[in-house]
Amino acid sequence: MHVLFSPSESRNFALEVSAKSAVPLAALEESSFEGGEFKLRPLESVRDQSVFVLQSLAGSAGASASDRLVRLLFLISGLRDAGANQLIVLVPYLAFARKDRRTKPRDPVNHRYVAELLEAAGATRVMALDVHNDAAFDNAFRIPTDHLTAAPLIVDHFTQRYPHDNLVVASPDIGGVKRAQILRELLVAHTGNAIDLVFLEKRRSSGAVSSGALVGDVRGRHVIMLDDLCATGGTLIRGAQACKEAGALAVHTVVTHAPMTAGLQAVVESQPIDSMLATDSVGSGFHSGAFTSHPKLTCLSVAPLFGEATRRIAKGLPLAPLLSSWPVTDAGSS
């Protein structure tokens, strides 16, 4: 038997996952005390059960990323102590994942520390969406990991709206080329059209970032510029400006995670950007602010993706089909 738990800050997302997966969302007692202390107590037995725990780690006005991480750790530990035999952690947005290596002497590797904390709390498997570096994600954990991607949902969105053959996929920096290449390959497979890949150089000096040369041809084309995360929006805005100056017809920016509303607002209000596509991986905080009704902005829900992944894990079905197409056409396969 499988059951799903989620703290209140991620409960709306968890309700959608539960509906899609048919894994029931269990009741949880949540109490708050003076000084920011809290208690999370499952209200039903989990002894010898496989338990899913869902929590997005994007900070919001009510709970910072650190608060959410601590609440997740305490919930996992409590479920472990209550006798759960498997604890599968679902993290739509994994905070601290950008700091996955040392770039200066004595640099912390926060990504690895989060992995160690989740393992120490009792997690037996972790699933995350479009982490900053999937290789670093796999290497940080000593327990099984699953890396979901929003790329099939993004492909479905664009193939329905831009069936023509003048698309080009762009990465706003060299580090994102692999991510953009995967999207390009999926677009080619679904459209049958030849789609090029371009990228921009990005230079960082004394904390200041500037875009360098555009490598590839975008003249007369619709550009799909992909990044995993939008914080300030500066990288996407600079990339879009470079593409427009090189003759692009339109620039459609795409991110999986938008943890900071200010960055998202800057992007949709930027003149060189014609549209912005993001997912709701950060939870309900994504929808705060009047700008979320901006005509340039479209939000894709990834709750159905997590729901289907949860259903497949519960039934022992493969996750691989989720990496190549959406909606999934072989839901009943084993």
Protein backbone atom coordinates (compact mmCIF):
# COMPACT_ATOMS: atom_id res chain seq x y z
CA MET A 1 0.00 0.00 0.00
CA HIS A 2 1.15 3.53 -0.79
CA VAL A 3 0.17 6.84 0.77
CA LEU A 4 1.15 10.48 0.17
CA PHE A 5 1.97 13.17 2.76
CA SER A 6 2.65 16.85 2.20
CA PRO A 7 3.02 19.91 4.46
CA SER A 8 0.39 22.62 4.06
CA GLU A 9 2.60 24.87 1.92
CA SER A 10 2.70 22.20 -0.82
CA ARG A 11 -0.71 20.63 -0.18
CA ASN A 12 -2.52 22.10 -3.21
CA PHE A 13 0.15 20.64 -5.49
CA ALA A 14 -0.08 17.33 -3.60
CA LEU A 15 -3.86 17.21 -4.06
CA GLU A 16 -3.37 17.28 -7.84
CA VAL A 17 -0.66 14.61 -7.64
CA SER A 18 -2.95 12.43 -5.54
CA ALA A 19 -5.84 12.79 -8.00
CA LYS A 20 -3.64 11.83 -10.95
CA SER A 21 -1.83 8.96 -9.23
CA ALA A 22 -4.73 7.52 -7.21
CA VAL A 23 -2.36 7.47 -4.21
CA PRO A 24 -4.38 8.90 -1.29
CA LEU A 25 -3.25 12.12 0.37
CA ALA A 26 -3.10 11.35 4.09
CA ALA A 27 -4.06 13.65 6.95
CA LEU A 28 -1.31 15.51 8.76
CA GLU A 29 -1.53 17.44 12.02
CA GLU A 30 0.44 20.69 11.83
CA SER A 31 1.07 22.80 14.91
CA SER A 32 3.09 26.01 15.29
CA PHE A 33 4.72 27.27 18.47
CA GLU A 34 6.51 30.38 19.70
CA GLY A 35 9.83 31.20 18.13
CA GLY A 36 9.10 29.41 14.85
CA GLU A 37 9.02 25.86 16.22
CA PHE A 38 6.50 23.40 14.81
CA LYS A 39 5.20 19.84 14.86
CA LEU A 40 4.12 17.61 11.96
CA ARG A 41 2.32 14.41 12.98
CA PRO A 42 0.79 11.82 10.62
CA LEU A 43 -2.81 11.07 11.62
CA GLU A 44 -2.84 7.52 10.29
CA SER A 45 -0.60 4.51 10.55
CA VAL A 46 2.27 4.16 8.09
CA ARG A 47 3.86 1.07 9.61
CA ASP A 48 5.40 -1.18 6.92
CA GLN A 49 4.03 1.05 4.15
CA SER A 50 5.66 2.80 1.20
CA VAL A 51 5.19 6.53 1.74
CA PHE A 52 5.51 9.41 -0.72
CA VAL A 53 6.40 12.82 0.73
CA LEU A 54 5.99 15.92 -1.45
CA GLN A 55 7.51 19.32 -0.76
CA SER A 56 8.64 22.10 -3.11
CA LEU A 57 11.63 23.91 -1.63
CA ALA A 58 11.02 27.32 -3.20
CA GLY A 59 10.84 30.07 -0.60
CA SER A 60 7.69 32.13 -0.21
CA ALA A 61 6.42 34.93 2.02
CA GLY A 62 5.23 32.40 4.58
CA ALA A 63 8.16 30.00 4.52
CA SER A 64 11.71 30.41 3.23
CA ALA A 65 13.55 27.66 1.34
CA SER A 66 15.36 26.81 4.58
CA ASP A 67 12.07 26.62 6.51
CA ARG A 68 10.61 24.28 3.92
CA LEU A 69 13.69 22.09 3.94
CA VAL A 70 13.61 21.72 7.74
CA ARG A 71 9.89 20.93 7.69
CA LEU A 72 10.52 18.29 5.03
CA LEU A 73 13.36 16.75 7.04
CA PHE A 74 11.29 16.60 10.22
CA LEU A 75 8.34 15.06 8.37
CA ILE A 76 10.53 12.37 6.80
CA SER A 77 12.13 11.60 10.15
CA GLY A 78 8.76 11.37 11.88
CA LEU A 79 7.41 9.01 9.24
CA ARG A 80 10.54 6.88 9.54
CA ASP A 81 10.10 6.67 13.31
CA ALA A 82 6.43 5.76 12.76
CA GLY A 83 7.50 2.62 10.88
CA ALA A 84 7.37 3.51 7.17
CA ASN A 85 9.51 1.04 5.23
CA GLN A 86 10.07 3.27 2.17
CA LEU A 87 10.17 7.06 2.03
CA ILE A 88 10.04 8.39 -1.53
CA VAL A 89 10.61 12.14 -1.56
CA LEU A 90 9.09 14.20 -4.39
CA VAL A 91 10.71 17.62 -4.83
CA PRO A 92 9.31 19.69 -7.73
CA TYR A 93 11.86 22.42 -7.00
CA LEU A 94 15.12 21.44 -5.28
CA ALA A 95 16.61 24.47 -3.53
CA PHE A 96 20.38 24.92 -3.12
CA ALA A 97 21.06 22.80 -6.24
CA ARG A 98 22.85 25.62 -8.06
CA LYS A 99 25.77 25.40 -5.62
CA ASP A 100 26.89 21.95 -6.77
CA ARG A 101 30.66 22.40 -6.97
CA ARG A 102 33.54 24.43 -5.58
CA THR A 103 34.47 27.44 -7.66
CA LYS A 104 36.57 29.19 -4.98
CA PRO A 105 38.72 27.98 -2.08
CA ARG A 106 36.60 26.78 0.89
CA ASP A 107 33.40 27.02 -1.14
CA PRO A 108 30.53 25.00 0.32
CA VAL A 109 28.83 22.38 -1.85
CA ASN A 110 25.27 23.00 -0.67
CA HIS A 111 23.73 20.56 -3.14
CA ARG A 112 25.61 17.65 -1.56
CA TYR A 113 24.75 18.81 1.96
CA VAL A 114 21.03 18.75 1.13
CA ALA A 115 21.44 15.21 -0.19
CA GLU A 116 23.18 14.15 3.03
CA LEU A 117 20.43 15.69 5.15
CA LEU A 118 17.66 13.93 3.21
CA GLU A 119 19.47 10.60 3.50
CA ALA A 120 20.10 11.08 7.23
CA ALA A 121 16.41 11.88 7.78
CA GLY A 122 15.46 8.55 6.24
CA ALA A 123 14.68 9.18 2.56
CA THR A 124 15.09 5.99 0.51
CA ARG A 125 14.49 7.55 -2.93
CA VAL A 126 14.36 11.12 -4.25
CA MET A 127 12.64 12.48 -7.35
CA ALA A 128 13.27 16.04 -8.57
CA LEU A 129 12.41 18.09 -11.64
CA ASP A 130 14.95 19.73 -13.97
CA VAL A 131 17.71 20.15 -11.43
CA HIS A 132 20.48 22.57 -12.31
CA ASN A 133 22.95 19.78 -13.07
CA ASP A 134 21.53 16.25 -13.37
CA ALA A 135 24.97 14.60 -13.11
CA ALA A 136 25.68 16.47 -9.87
CA PHE A 137 22.22 15.45 -8.63
CA ASP A 138 22.92 11.77 -9.24
CA ASN A 139 26.40 11.95 -7.72
CA ALA A 140 25.28 13.83 -4.59
CA PHE A 141 23.03 11.00 -3.40
CA ARG A 142 23.85 7.48 -2.25
CA ILE A 143 20.20 6.43 -2.59
CA PRO A 144 18.22 5.94 -5.84
CA THR A 145 17.28 9.17 -7.63
CA ASP A 146 14.84 10.00 -10.41
CA HIS A 147 15.26 13.09 -12.57
CA LEU A 148 12.06 14.25 -14.24
CA THR A 149 12.06 16.89 -16.94
CA ALA A 150 9.43 19.33 -18.15
CA ALA A 151 10.84 19.10 -21.70
CA PRO A 152 8.05 16.83 -23.07
CA LEU A 153 5.40 19.26 -21.74
CA ILE A 154 7.29 22.16 -23.33
CA VAL A 155 7.49 20.30 -26.66
CA ASP A 156 3.75 19.59 -26.53
CA HIS A 157 3.09 23.29 -25.91
CA PHE A 158 5.20 24.54 -28.83
CA THR A 159 4.26 21.87 -31.38
CA GLN A 160 0.61 22.79 -30.91
CA ARG A 161 1.30 26.49 -31.47
CA TYR A 162 4.26 26.60 -33.88
CA PRO A 163 3.98 23.76 -36.41
CA HIS A 164 6.11 25.63 -38.96
CA ASP A 165 9.71 24.70 -39.71
CA ASN A 166 11.50 27.92 -38.75
CA LEU A 167 12.13 27.15 -35.10
CA VAL A 168 15.55 27.29 -33.47
CA VAL A 169 16.41 26.31 -29.90
CA ALA A 170 18.78 28.55 -27.95
CA SER A 171 20.68 28.24 -24.70
CA PRO A 172 21.41 31.59 -23.00
CA ASP A 173 24.80 30.27 -21.86
CA ILE A 174 27.23 27.44 -22.59
CA GLY A 175 26.31 25.58 -19.41
CA GLY A 176 22.77 25.01 -20.65
CA VAL A 177 23.66 23.62 -24.07
CA LYS A 178 22.98 20.00 -23.08
CA ARG A 179 19.54 20.95 -21.75
CA ALA A 180 18.74 22.83 -24.95
CA GLN A 181 20.02 19.95 -27.08
CA ILE A 182 17.60 17.54 -25.39
CA LEU A 183 14.70 19.90 -26.13
CA ARG A 184 15.84 20.29 -29.73
CA GLU A 185 15.98 16.52 -30.23
CA LEU A 186 12.48 16.09 -28.82
CA LEU A 187 11.14 18.85 -31.08
CA VAL A 188 12.75 17.22 -34.11
CA ALA A 189 11.27 13.84 -33.16
CA HIS A 190 7.77 15.28 -32.76
CA THR A 191 7.71 17.68 -35.73
CA GLY A 192 9.96 15.97 -38.26
CA ASN A 193 11.47 19.37 -39.02
CA ALA A 194 15.13 20.33 -39.05
CA ILE A 195 15.71 22.51 -35.99
CA ASP A 196 19.04 24.14 -35.25
CA LEU A 197 20.69 24.78 -31.89
CA VAL A 198 22.41 28.06 -30.99
CA PHE A 199 23.93 29.36 -27.80
CA LEU A 200 25.32 32.53 -26.28
CA GLU A 201 28.55 33.00 -24.44
CA LYS A 202 28.15 34.42 -20.94
CA ARG A 203 30.98 36.14 -19.15
CA ARG A 204 31.18 36.83 -15.42
CA SER A 205 33.68 39.30 -13.96
CA SER A 206 33.67 40.64 -10.38
CA GLY A 207 30.08 39.55 -9.98
CA ALA A 208 28.91 41.28 -13.17
CA VAL A 209 27.47 39.13 -15.96
CA SER A 210 27.44 40.01 -19.65
CA SER A 211 26.49 38.08 -22.75
CA GLY A 212 29.08 37.55 -25.44
CA ALA A 213 28.84 36.26 -28.97
CA LEU A 214 25.80 34.47 -30.35
CA VAL A 215 26.96 31.19 -31.87
CA GLY A 216 24.57 30.12 -34.63
CA ASP A 217 22.03 31.66 -37.02
CA VAL A 218 18.63 32.95 -35.80
CA ARG A 219 17.79 35.35 -38.63
CA GLY A 220 14.14 35.10 -39.67
CA ARG A 221 13.35 32.43 -37.08
CA HIS A 222 11.30 31.91 -33.95
CA VAL A 223 13.75 31.30 -31.10
CA ILE A 224 12.89 29.07 -28.13
CA MET A 225 15.33 30.12 -25.41
CA LEU A 226 15.50 27.57 -22.62
CA ASP A 227 16.87 27.82 -19.08
CA ASP A 228 16.22 25.75 -15.98
CA LEU A 229 15.56 28.67 -13.65
CA CYS A 230 14.66 32.35 -13.71
CA ALA A 231 15.98 34.27 -10.70
CA THR A 232 16.57 37.90 -11.76
CA GLY A 233 15.72 37.32 -15.43
CA GLY A 234 18.92 39.04 -16.57
CA THR A 235 20.34 36.05 -18.46
CA LEU A 236 17.16 35.56 -20.51
CA ILE A 237 16.74 39.27 -21.22
CA ARG A 238 20.33 39.65 -22.44
CA GLY A 239 19.98 36.52 -24.55
CA ALA A 240 16.73 37.70 -26.10
CA GLN A 241 18.24 41.08 -26.93
CA ALA A 242 21.18 39.40 -28.67
CA CYS A 243 18.84 37.21 -30.72
CA LYS A 244 16.69 40.16 -31.79
CA GLU A 245 19.78 42.12 -32.81
CA ALA A 246 20.80 39.10 -34.91
CA GLY A 247 17.49 39.17 -36.80
CA ALA A 248 15.22 36.75 -34.89
CA LEU A 249 11.53 37.11 -35.69
CA ALA A 250 10.48 36.34 -32.12
CA VAL A 251 12.03 35.09 -28.90
CA HIS A 252 10.02 32.74 -26.69
CA THR A 253 11.70 32.24 -23.31
CA VAL A 254 11.13 29.05 -21.31
CA VAL A 255 12.05 28.10 -17.75
CA THR A 256 11.02 25.24 -15.51
CA HIS A 257 11.48 27.04 -12.20
CA ALA A 258 10.54 30.62 -11.32
CA PRO A 259 11.28 30.89 -7.58
CA MET A 260 11.48 34.70 -7.57
CA THR A 261 8.50 36.64 -8.87
CA ALA A 262 10.60 39.77 -9.44
CA GLY A 263 12.71 37.96 -12.03
CA LEU A 264 9.68 36.57 -13.79
CA GLN A 265 8.08 40.00 -13.88
CA ALA A 266 11.24 41.52 -15.37
CA VAL A 267 11.17 38.95 -18.17
CA VAL A 268 7.52 39.40 -19.17
CA GLU A 269 7.94 43.18 -19.15
CA SER A 270 11.09 43.05 -21.31
CA GLN A 271 10.52 44.36 -24.84
CA PRO A 272 12.77 41.85 -26.69
CA ILE A 273 10.84 38.89 -25.23
CA ASP A 274 7.67 37.91 -27.07
CA SER A 275 6.43 35.21 -24.69
CA MET A 276 7.36 33.49 -21.45
CA LEU A 277 6.58 29.90 -20.53
CA ALA A 278 7.13 28.63 -16.97
CA THR A 279 5.87 25.80 -14.78
CA ASP A 280 4.29 25.86 -11.32
CA SER A 281 7.10 23.79 -9.75
CA VAL A 282 7.56 26.39 -7.01
CA GLY A 283 3.96 26.01 -5.85
CA SER A 284 1.20 28.49 -5.19
CA GLY A 285 3.67 31.37 -4.74
CA PHE A 286 4.09 31.38 -8.51
CA HIS A 287 0.60 32.84 -8.88
CA SER A 288 1.14 35.85 -6.61
CA GLY A 289 1.17 39.29 -8.21
CA ALA A 290 -1.00 40.86 -10.86
CA PHE A 291 1.66 40.32 -13.54
CA THR A 292 0.86 36.57 -13.63
CA SER A 293 -2.11 37.46 -15.85
CA HIS A 294 0.27 39.17 -18.29
CA PRO A 295 -0.56 38.19 -21.90
CA LYS A 296 3.06 37.13 -22.50
CA LEU A 297 3.05 34.61 -19.65
CA THR A 298 1.85 31.00 -19.78
CA CYS A 299 2.07 28.60 -16.83
CA LEU A 300 2.28 24.84 -17.33
CA SER A 301 1.26 22.63 -14.43
CA VAL A 302 3.76 19.85 -13.64
CA ALA A 303 1.48 18.26 -11.01
CA PRO A 304 0.10 15.80 -13.63
CA LEU A 305 3.69 14.84 -14.49
CA PHE A 306 4.48 14.11 -10.84
CA GLY A 307 1.15 12.34 -10.51
CA GLU A 308 1.91 10.01 -13.40
CA ALA A 309 5.43 9.38 -12.06
CA THR A 310 3.99 8.58 -8.62
CA ARG A 311 1.44 6.22 -10.15
CA ARG A 312 4.17 4.43 -12.07
CA ILE A 313 6.39 4.00 -9.03
CA ALA A 314 3.45 2.67 -7.01
CA LYS A 315 2.64 0.13 -9.74
CA GLY A 316 6.25 -0.77 -10.57
CA LEU A 317 6.07 0.73 -14.09
CA PRO A 318 9.01 2.39 -15.87
CA LEU A 319 9.52 6.15 -15.75
CA ALA A 320 11.41 6.33 -19.05
CA PRO A 321 8.32 7.15 -21.19
CA LEU A 322 7.89 10.37 -19.21
CA LEU A 323 11.23 11.62 -20.52
CA SER A 324 10.26 11.53 -24.19
CA SER A 325 6.57 12.37 -24.63
CA TRP A 326 3.55 14.02 -23.05
CA PRO A 327 0.82 13.00 -22.65
CA VAL A 328 2.16 9.48 -22.09
CA THR A 329 0.64 7.01 -24.53
CA ASP A 330 1.74 3.73 -22.92
CA ALA A 331 0.40 4.24 -19.38
CA GLY A 332 -0.55 0.62 -19.07
CA SER A 333 2.80 -0.84 -20.12
CA SER A 334 5.07 -2.65 -17.69
